Amino acid sequence: MPPSNISGKAYHEATKHSYLSVQLDPNYVDAATQPSAFKVYPQFYRRVKLNLNNKIHSFIWLTSAVTFSKVYKNVPYKLRVNPSAGALYPTEVYVQIRGMAEIVDGIYHLEVENNCLTLIYELIDDGLESYIIPGRSIKGFIFLISSVYYRSSWKYKDRSLRYCLLDSGHHLGAVAASAYLNQLDIQLIFDFDKLALNTDLGFENKEFISACAVSGEIQEKQVRRLRLKLPFVCGTDYFVANQFIEDSYQTTACQTSRKQQLQQPQFNFEPDKFYQTVWDRRSVRRFRKESILQEQYLYILQLLKQPIPTETFEPVEIYSVVHRVEGMTSGLYQGVNLVKAGNFSDKTGYLCVNQALARDCAAILFFVSEYTSYQTAMQIAGFLGHRIYLGSNYIGIQCSGIGAFYDDETQEFLETNKDVLYAMVIGI
């Protein structure tokens, strides 16, 4: 399917919420019709059970591990290290492993539900490098993040591409957290031949690649494209196509990101405490309307200033609305600068589609961007959101992401012409 003329800006405009649009389409769904949230290859594929005493296995496992199971309204949910809008989990992880002892060189699907790697393609002189970093070979790991979009569009309809991309960014954040705990550097890559890779991985129109993370030794070596197209396996038990999402994805997949110099962040997390934070991370469901310390708020802002390890990026600016931070004037801030003072808790609650979380939090952070690549900007917003999750929980406060807001009214309140991509709430 050739790319359409739906730009990232046009897609974002077409999927805006307003008070009227939400009232006209409250978007109720029947939970009994929810598509499956786990992709499983046929039983005859070769599998490697993840052994957590093996450092390589542990590194891969912690990028997507199930950390808690619950039943809500008779529906079972398996919560993971990576958050997901509506706990729908559209993202899947594939990892190419090359040059690692006791592991066959190949492309593996991470089977999250069963804690195993499924070998879906054995390498010879070919691999993912030719799509992502032509002319080089990676001794180590190439993680691919994909989206099975119907898991999200089942509930969120046309706006679901936003959620898929934000979830992809969060999943990259989970990869980065596992890399940190295993003392490995990673590089995020957003600009590569996603459309060709979708075709050769056999995804048809039901799944798409959004981003990549590389960790390992980069060698100057020519690697050819996959010599065989992979058999198709659907990531849901049934599928309903959304042509608008498919067209929007295809066009935005071809947009080029801005460039920057690759730089690794420098964190100082205590390993055992940070591991427990990764394991225990949850989205808060309600706040007690208590204040947080100014040091806690500033700690989060400092985390956001750390470099994002990528050469392809989009700048994302942070506006915050402070409700309850000791020692700070309530109001709208850009960075640490007060833009306008006032108690805006009811206003932010309204703007976020009347969600109590946005009203009762200690502070809400809005991410805005004037991008050239929509996919990159949204994923970086999700990646930064994951930092806020882990940083907040690490210092003992709570957090949640919010993807639903009245777009134009939020822009007007923030006094910006840039698109609002995401919101994060923190507090107690």
Protein backbone atom coordinates (compact mmCIF):
# COMPACT_ATOMS: atom_id res chain seq x y z
CA MET A 1 0.00 0.00 0.00
CA PRO A 2 1.58 3.33 -1.00
CA PRO A 3 1.79 6.07 1.65
CA SER A 4 -1.15 8.49 1.68
CA ASN A 5 -0.98 12.25 2.05
CA ILE A 6 -2.00 12.21 5.74
CA SER A 7 0.82 14.08 7.46
CA GLY A 8 1.57 13.84 11.16
CA LYS A 9 0.05 17.29 11.66
CA ALA A 10 -3.07 16.34 9.71
CA TYR A 11 -3.44 13.11 11.68
CA HIS A 12 -3.05 14.96 14.98
CA GLU A 13 -5.61 17.57 13.93
CA ALA A 14 -8.07 14.89 12.81
CA THR A 15 -7.89 13.03 16.13
CA LYS A 16 -8.28 15.96 18.51
CA HIS A 17 -10.68 15.73 21.43
CA SER A 18 -13.05 18.53 22.32
CA TYR A 19 -15.78 18.79 24.91
CA LEU A 20 -18.35 18.37 22.13
CA SER A 21 -16.61 15.42 20.42
CA VAL A 22 -16.37 13.48 23.68
CA GLN A 23 -20.04 14.12 24.50
CA LEU A 24 -21.13 13.00 21.03
CA ASP A 25 -18.95 9.87 21.11
CA PRO A 26 -18.35 8.71 24.72
CA ASN A 27 -16.74 5.57 23.28
CA TYR A 28 -18.23 2.80 25.39
CA VAL A 29 -16.94 -0.69 24.61
CA ASP A 30 -17.97 -4.22 25.55
CA ALA A 31 -15.10 -5.74 27.52
CA ALA A 32 -16.14 -9.20 26.35
CA THR A 33 -15.06 -8.27 22.81
CA GLN A 34 -11.52 -7.18 23.73
CA PRO A 35 -8.95 -8.79 21.38
CA SER A 36 -6.17 -10.91 22.85
CA ALA A 37 -3.20 -8.99 24.29
CA PHE A 38 -0.48 -11.60 23.64
CA LYS A 39 1.04 -12.75 20.38
CA VAL A 40 2.01 -16.42 20.29
CA TYR A 41 3.69 -18.26 17.44
CA PRO A 42 2.70 -21.88 16.61
CA GLN A 43 3.90 -24.56 19.00
CA PHE A 44 6.40 -26.07 16.55
CA TYR A 45 8.63 -22.94 16.68
CA ARG A 46 11.79 -23.41 18.71
CA ARG A 47 11.65 -21.71 22.11
CA VAL A 48 14.22 -20.75 24.71
CA LYS A 49 12.85 -20.53 28.24
CA LEU A 50 14.24 -17.43 29.90
CA ASN A 51 16.58 -18.30 32.77
CA LEU A 52 16.86 -15.29 35.08
CA ASN A 53 20.24 -16.52 36.34
CA ASN A 54 21.53 -15.92 32.81
CA LYS A 55 22.50 -12.24 32.42
CA ILE A 56 21.46 -12.06 28.76
CA HIS A 57 18.12 -13.70 29.47
CA SER A 58 17.53 -11.44 32.47
CA PHE A 59 18.28 -8.32 30.42
CA ILE A 60 15.75 -9.29 27.75
CA TRP A 61 13.11 -10.49 30.21
CA LEU A 62 13.07 -7.25 32.22
CA THR A 63 12.24 -5.22 29.10
CA SER A 64 8.69 -6.63 29.10
CA ALA A 65 8.16 -8.72 32.24
CA VAL A 66 4.71 -9.35 33.70
CA THR A 67 4.91 -8.00 37.25
CA PHE A 68 1.36 -8.31 38.54
CA SER A 69 -1.90 -10.07 37.66
CA LYS A 70 -5.40 -8.98 38.62
CA VAL A 71 -9.03 -9.50 37.64
CA TYR A 72 -11.21 -6.44 36.98
CA LYS A 73 -14.90 -6.93 36.19
CA ASN A 74 -14.22 -10.60 35.48
CA VAL A 75 -11.52 -9.74 32.95
CA PRO A 76 -7.95 -10.90 33.78
CA TYR A 77 -5.15 -8.38 33.30
CA LYS A 78 -1.43 -9.07 33.38
CA LEU A 79 0.36 -5.83 34.20
CA ARG A 80 3.91 -5.31 32.96
CA VAL A 81 7.01 -3.21 33.51
CA ASN A 82 5.82 -0.95 30.68
CA PRO A 83 2.58 1.00 31.14
CA SER A 84 -0.08 1.01 28.46
CA ALA A 85 -3.13 3.17 27.80
CA GLY A 86 -6.15 1.26 29.06
CA ALA A 87 -3.91 -1.73 29.89
CA LEU A 88 -4.39 -2.78 26.25
CA TYR A 89 -0.68 -3.47 25.53
CA PRO A 90 -0.50 -3.11 21.73
CA THR A 91 3.31 -3.30 21.70
CA GLU A 92 5.33 -6.41 20.91
CA VAL A 93 9.10 -6.90 21.19
CA TYR A 94 11.40 -8.69 18.77
CA VAL A 95 15.10 -8.99 19.43
CA GLN A 96 17.90 -9.94 17.07
CA ILE A 97 20.75 -11.63 18.90
CA ARG A 98 24.11 -11.98 17.19
CA GLY A 99 27.45 -13.20 18.51
CA MET A 100 26.25 -14.18 21.99
CA ALA A 101 27.55 -17.41 23.58
CA GLU A 102 25.13 -20.36 23.72
CA ILE A 103 22.40 -18.49 21.79
CA VAL A 104 21.69 -19.19 18.13
CA ASP A 105 22.13 -16.09 15.96
CA GLY A 106 18.61 -15.14 15.02
CA ILE A 107 15.54 -12.97 15.35
CA TYR A 108 13.39 -13.85 18.33
CA HIS A 109 9.92 -12.88 19.44
CA LEU A 110 9.69 -12.17 23.16
CA GLU A 111 6.73 -14.27 24.30
CA VAL A 112 5.81 -12.21 27.35
CA GLU A 113 3.02 -14.39 28.72
CA ASN A 114 5.23 -17.50 28.85
CA ASN A 115 8.63 -15.92 29.62
CA CYS A 116 10.43 -17.31 26.61
CA LEU A 117 12.15 -16.34 23.38
CA THR A 118 10.67 -17.82 20.23
CA LEU A 119 13.13 -18.22 17.37
CA ILE A 120 11.32 -16.93 14.28
CA TYR A 121 14.31 -16.50 11.96
CA GLU A 122 17.84 -17.93 11.98
CA LEU A 123 20.57 -15.64 10.61
CA ILE A 124 23.25 -16.55 8.10
CA ASP A 125 24.76 -13.50 6.38
CA ASP A 126 21.56 -11.45 6.68
CA GLY A 127 19.83 -9.52 9.42
CA LEU A 128 17.98 -6.44 10.60
CA GLU A 129 21.03 -4.18 10.28
CA SER A 130 20.50 -3.69 6.55
CA TYR A 131 17.14 -2.02 7.24
CA ILE A 132 18.28 0.00 10.25
CA ILE A 133 22.02 0.81 9.98
CA PRO A 134 23.15 -0.27 6.50
CA GLY A 135 26.82 -1.16 6.14
CA ARG A 136 27.20 -2.19 9.78
CA SER A 137 26.71 -5.27 11.91
CA ILE A 138 25.73 -5.43 15.59
CA LYS A 139 27.38 -7.97 17.85
CA GLY A 140 24.76 -7.90 20.55
CA PHE A 141 21.10 -6.92 20.46
CA ILE A 142 18.68 -5.14 18.18
CA PHE A 143 15.28 -4.61 19.82
CA LEU A 144 12.31 -3.87 17.57
CA ILE A 145 9.16 -2.39 19.08
CA SER A 146 5.99 -3.06 17.09
CA SER A 147 2.30 -2.28 17.57
CA VAL A 148 -0.59 -4.64 17.01
CA TYR A 149 -2.81 -1.63 16.51
CA TYR A 150 -6.23 -3.28 16.77
CA ARG A 151 -5.63 -3.99 20.47
CA SER A 152 -5.79 -0.21 20.90
CA SER A 153 -8.17 0.85 18.10
CA TRP A 154 -10.75 -1.59 19.49
CA LYS A 155 -11.26 1.01 22.23
CA TYR A 156 -9.68 4.28 21.11
CA LYS A 157 -10.59 4.17 17.39
CA ASP A 158 -8.76 6.69 15.16
CA ARG A 159 -6.90 8.28 18.08
CA SER A 160 -5.25 4.92 18.87
CA LEU A 161 -2.17 5.62 16.73
CA ARG A 162 -1.29 8.23 19.37
CA TYR A 163 -1.54 5.60 22.10
CA CYS A 164 0.42 3.02 20.11
CA LEU A 165 3.29 5.49 19.66
CA LEU A 166 3.23 6.65 23.30
CA ASP A 167 3.21 3.00 24.41
CA SER A 168 6.14 2.33 22.09
CA GLY A 169 8.05 5.17 23.75
CA HIS A 170 7.28 3.72 27.18
CA HIS A 171 8.47 0.33 25.99
CA LEU A 172 11.75 1.89 24.83
CA GLY A 173 11.96 3.35 28.33
CA ALA A 174 11.60 -0.15 29.78
CA VAL A 175 14.41 -1.35 27.50
CA ALA A 176 16.57 1.55 28.68
CA ALA A 177 15.84 0.75 32.34
CA SER A 178 16.84 -2.89 31.89
CA ALA A 179 20.00 -1.81 30.06
CA TYR A 180 20.88 0.52 32.95
CA LEU A 181 20.51 -2.29 35.47
CA ASN A 182 22.71 -4.51 33.31
CA GLN A 183 25.30 -1.73 32.81
CA LEU A 184 24.74 -1.59 29.06
CA ASP A 185 24.48 1.43 26.77
CA ILE A 186 21.68 1.60 24.23
CA GLN A 187 20.95 3.72 21.19
CA LEU A 188 17.40 4.49 20.12
CA ILE A 189 16.81 4.62 16.36
CA PHE A 190 13.63 6.10 14.90
CA ASP A 191 14.51 6.70 11.23
CA PHE A 192 14.86 3.51 9.19
CA ASP A 193 13.04 1.55 6.50
CA LYS A 194 10.03 0.54 8.60
CA LEU A 195 7.78 -0.23 5.66
CA ALA A 196 10.19 -2.71 4.06
CA LEU A 197 10.78 -4.32 7.44
CA ASN A 198 7.02 -4.70 8.04
CA THR A 199 6.74 -6.50 4.71
CA ASP A 200 9.67 -8.84 5.27
CA LEU A 201 8.57 -9.66 8.82
CA GLY A 202 5.22 -10.75 7.38
CA PHE A 203 3.09 -8.31 9.32
CA GLU A 204 0.61 -7.63 6.49
CA ASN A 205 -1.52 -4.66 7.66
CA LYS A 206 -2.10 -5.95 11.19
CA GLU A 207 1.13 -4.93 12.93
CA PHE A 208 3.76 -2.28 12.34
CA ILE A 209 7.27 -1.45 13.51
CA SER A 210 7.59 1.85 15.36
CA ALA A 211 11.15 2.03 16.75
CA CYS A 212 14.39 0.26 17.48
CA ALA A 213 16.97 0.09 20.26
CA VAL A 214 20.51 -1.19 19.67
CA SER A 215 22.93 -2.43 22.31
CA GLY A 216 26.25 -3.99 21.47
CA GLU A 217 29.42 -3.67 19.44
CA ILE A 218 28.95 -1.92 16.10
CA GLN A 219 31.17 -3.34 13.37
CA GLU A 220 31.75 -2.10 9.83
CA LYS A 221 30.35 -5.00 7.83
CA GLN A 222 27.81 -5.42 5.06
CA VAL A 223 24.75 -7.43 6.09
CA ARG A 224 22.15 -8.29 3.48
CA ARG A 225 18.41 -8.06 3.91
CA LEU A 226 16.43 -11.03 5.18
CA ARG A 227 16.73 -13.77 2.60
CA LEU A 228 13.21 -15.04 3.31
CA LYS A 229 9.93 -13.35 4.15
CA LEU A 230 8.62 -14.58 7.50
CA PRO A 231 5.29 -16.44 7.77
CA PHE A 232 2.39 -14.34 9.02
CA VAL A 233 1.14 -14.77 12.57
CA CYS A 234 -1.63 -12.44 13.78
CA GLY A 235 -1.19 -10.75 17.15
CA THR A 236 -4.92 -10.86 18.00
CA ASP A 237 -7.59 -13.56 17.91
CA TYR A 238 -9.62 -11.41 15.52
CA PHE A 239 -8.96 -8.19 13.62
CA VAL A 240 -10.91 -5.19 12.31
CA ALA A 241 -8.98 -2.92 9.97
CA ASN A 242 -8.87 0.88 10.32
CA GLN A 243 -7.78 2.40 7.01
CA PHE A 244 -7.27 5.86 8.49
CA ILE A 245 -4.77 4.52 11.04
CA GLU A 246 -2.98 2.41 8.44
CA ASP A 247 -2.64 5.33 6.03
CA SER A 248 -1.53 7.69 8.80
CA TYR A 249 1.09 5.23 10.03
CA GLN A 250 2.50 4.67 6.55
CA THR A 251 2.93 8.37 5.82
CA THR A 252 4.36 9.28 9.21
CA ALA A 253 6.76 6.31 9.02
CA CYS A 254 8.47 8.09 6.12
CA GLN A 255 8.98 11.43 7.88
CA THR A 256 12.57 12.32 8.78
CA SER A 257 13.52 13.32 12.32
CA ARG A 258 15.87 16.05 13.41
CA LYS A 259 19.48 15.12 14.15
CA GLN A 260 21.59 15.43 17.27
CA GLN A 261 24.83 14.04 18.66
CA LEU A 262 24.53 10.72 20.44
CA GLN A 263 25.00 11.12 24.17
CA GLN A 264 24.32 8.66 26.99
CA PRO A 265 22.42 9.81 30.11
CA GLN A 266 24.23 9.66 33.45
CA PHE A 267 21.97 8.46 36.24
CA ASN A 268 22.87 7.67 39.83
CA PHE A 269 20.19 5.18 40.84
CA GLU A 270 20.99 2.68 43.57
CA PRO A 271 20.73 -0.64 41.63
CA ASP A 272 18.70 -2.73 44.07
CA LYS A 273 16.27 0.09 44.80
CA PHE A 274 15.94 0.93 41.10
CA TYR A 275 15.30 -2.74 40.24
CA GLN A 276 12.50 -2.82 42.80
CA THR A 277 11.14 0.42 41.35
CA VAL A 278 11.06 -1.11 37.86
CA TRP A 279 9.31 -4.17 39.27
CA ASP A 280 6.77 -2.27 41.40
CA ARG A 281 5.96 0.55 38.94
CA ARG A 282 2.23 1.15 38.69
CA SER A 283 -0.15 3.81 37.38
CA VAL A 284 -1.83 5.51 40.32
CA ARG A 285 -5.62 5.40 40.22
CA ARG A 286 -6.32 8.27 42.66
CA PHE A 287 -4.44 10.91 44.65
CA ARG A 288 -4.99 11.95 48.26
CA LYS A 289 -4.58 15.66 47.37
CA GLU A 290 -1.44 15.93 49.49
CA SER A 291 1.58 18.11 48.73
CA ILE A 292 4.92 16.84 47.50
CA LEU A 293 8.25 18.44 48.34
CA GLN A 294 9.85 20.99 46.07
CA GLU A 295 12.97 18.78 45.99
CA GLN A 296 10.85 15.91 44.61
CA TYR A 297 9.35 18.09 41.89
CA LEU A 298 12.77 19.48 40.89
CA TYR A 299 14.25 15.95 40.91
CA ILE A 300 11.74 14.96 38.22
CA LEU A 301 12.59 18.01 36.11
CA GLN A 302 16.31 17.19 36.37
CA LEU A 303 15.69 13.64 35.14
CA LEU A 304 13.96 15.07 32.08
CA LYS A 305 17.07 17.13 31.26
CA GLN A 306 19.24 14.01 30.95
CA PRO A 307 20.15 13.17 27.33
CA ILE A 308 18.04 10.78 25.28
CA PRO A 309 20.45 8.25 23.71
CA THR A 310 19.61 8.79 20.05
CA GLU A 311 20.92 10.59 16.97
CA THR A 312 17.37 11.03 15.60
CA PHE A 313 15.09 13.07 17.81
CA GLU A 314 12.38 15.69 18.10
CA PRO A 315 12.53 18.41 20.78
CA VAL A 316 9.79 18.08 23.37
CA GLU A 317 9.08 21.01 25.70
CA ILE A 318 7.63 20.61 29.18
CA TYR A 319 4.92 22.78 30.67
CA SER A 320 3.79 22.01 34.19
CA VAL A 321 0.87 23.10 36.30
CA VAL A 322 1.76 23.08 39.98
CA HIS A 323 -1.13 22.47 42.37
CA ARG A 324 0.46 21.24 45.60
CA VAL A 325 4.25 21.56 45.80
CA GLU A 326 5.63 22.87 49.09
CA GLY A 327 7.57 26.12 48.66
CA MET A 328 6.24 26.80 45.13
CA THR A 329 3.57 29.18 43.93
CA SER A 330 0.63 27.35 42.35
CA GLY A 331 0.34 28.06 38.66
CA LEU A 332 1.53 27.33 35.14
CA TYR A 333 5.27 26.91 34.62
CA GLN A 334 7.51 26.47 31.60
CA GLY A 335 10.46 24.62 33.06
CA VAL A 336 11.11 26.38 36.39
CA ASN A 337 9.74 29.72 35.19
CA LEU A 338 6.30 30.79 36.39
CA VAL A 339 4.11 31.82 33.45
CA LYS A 340 0.92 32.61 35.35
CA ALA A 341 -0.03 32.12 38.98
CA GLY A 342 -3.28 30.63 40.17
CA ASN A 343 -5.08 27.55 41.41
CA PHE A 344 -5.76 25.68 38.18
CA SER A 345 -6.61 22.25 39.60
CA ASP A 346 -10.25 22.36 38.45
CA LYS A 347 -9.10 23.67 35.06
CA THR A 348 -6.62 20.83 34.45
CA GLY A 349 -9.19 18.31 35.64
CA TYR A 350 -11.61 19.67 33.04
CA LEU A 351 -8.98 19.82 30.28
CA CYS A 352 -8.09 16.16 30.81
CA VAL A 353 -11.65 15.09 30.01
CA ASN A 354 -12.81 15.59 33.60
CA GLN A 355 -10.38 13.07 35.07
CA ALA A 356 -9.96 13.40 38.83
CA LEU A 357 -6.27 12.47 38.52
CA ALA A 358 -5.54 15.73 36.72
CA ARG A 359 -7.42 17.71 39.34
CA ASP A 360 -6.10 16.02 42.50
CA CYS A 361 -2.43 15.57 41.57
CA ALA A 362 0.40 17.66 43.04
CA ALA A 363 1.51 18.66 39.53
CA ILE A 364 0.69 17.83 35.93
CA LEU A 365 3.27 17.99 33.15
CA PHE A 366 2.24 18.59 29.53
CA PHE A 367 4.57 17.64 26.65
CA VAL A 368 4.40 19.82 23.53
CA SER A 369 6.36 19.73 20.28
CA GLU A 370 6.73 21.35 16.88
CA TYR A 371 7.98 18.26 15.09
CA THR A 372 9.14 17.16 11.67
CA SER A 373 8.56 13.46 12.47
CA TYR A 374 5.30 12.78 14.28
CA GLN A 375 6.21 9.19 15.17
CA THR A 376 9.51 10.23 16.71
CA ALA A 377 7.98 13.09 18.71
CA MET A 378 5.23 10.91 20.17
CA GLN A 379 7.65 8.14 21.09
CA ILE A 380 10.06 10.55 22.74
CA ALA A 381 7.12 11.88 24.75
CA GLY A 382 6.39 8.34 25.87
CA PHE A 383 10.08 7.69 26.61
CA LEU A 384 10.26 10.81 28.80
CA GLY A 385 7.00 9.78 30.42
CA HIS A 386 8.60 6.50 31.42
CA ARG A 387 11.42 8.42 33.09
CA ILE A 388 8.83 10.29 35.12
CA TYR A 389 7.15 7.03 36.13
CA LEU A 390 10.38 5.46 37.35
CA GLY A 391 11.80 8.65 38.86
CA SER A 392 8.57 9.37 40.74
CA ASN A 393 8.23 5.87 42.14
CA TYR A 394 11.95 5.81 42.98
CA ILE A 395 11.55 8.81 45.31
CA GLY A 396 8.29 7.60 46.82
CA ILE A 397 5.61 9.53 44.94
CA GLN A 398 2.99 8.32 42.48
CA CYS A 399 2.46 8.87 38.75
CA SER A 400 0.17 8.20 35.81
CA GLY A 401 0.11 9.05 32.11
CA ILE A 402 -2.87 10.80 30.52
CA GLY A 403 -3.39 10.67 26.77
CA ALA A 404 -6.92 12.10 26.70
CA PHE A 405 -7.36 15.88 26.83
CA TYR A 406 -9.20 18.61 24.97
CA ASP A 407 -6.43 19.45 22.52
CA ASP A 408 -7.26 22.98 21.42
CA GLU A 409 -8.36 24.17 24.86
CA THR A 410 -5.20 22.73 26.42
CA GLN A 411 -3.06 24.53 23.83
CA GLU A 412 -4.91 27.76 24.59
CA PHE A 413 -4.41 27.33 28.34
CA LEU A 414 -0.68 26.62 27.90
CA GLU A 415 -0.41 29.62 25.56
CA THR A 416 1.43 27.63 22.88
CA ASN A 417 0.88 26.94 19.20
CA LYS A 418 2.74 23.62 19.44
CA ASP A 419 0.86 20.34 19.51
CA VAL A 420 0.15 18.83 22.91
CA LEU A 421 1.32 15.21 22.82
CA TYR A 422 0.95 13.80 26.32
CA ALA A 423 0.38 14.59 29.98
CA MET A 424 1.84 13.08 33.16
CA VAL A 425 0.48 13.55 36.67
CA ILE A 426 2.53 13.15 39.86
CA GLY A 427 1.58 13.36 43.51
CA ILE A 428 0.58 11.48 46.63
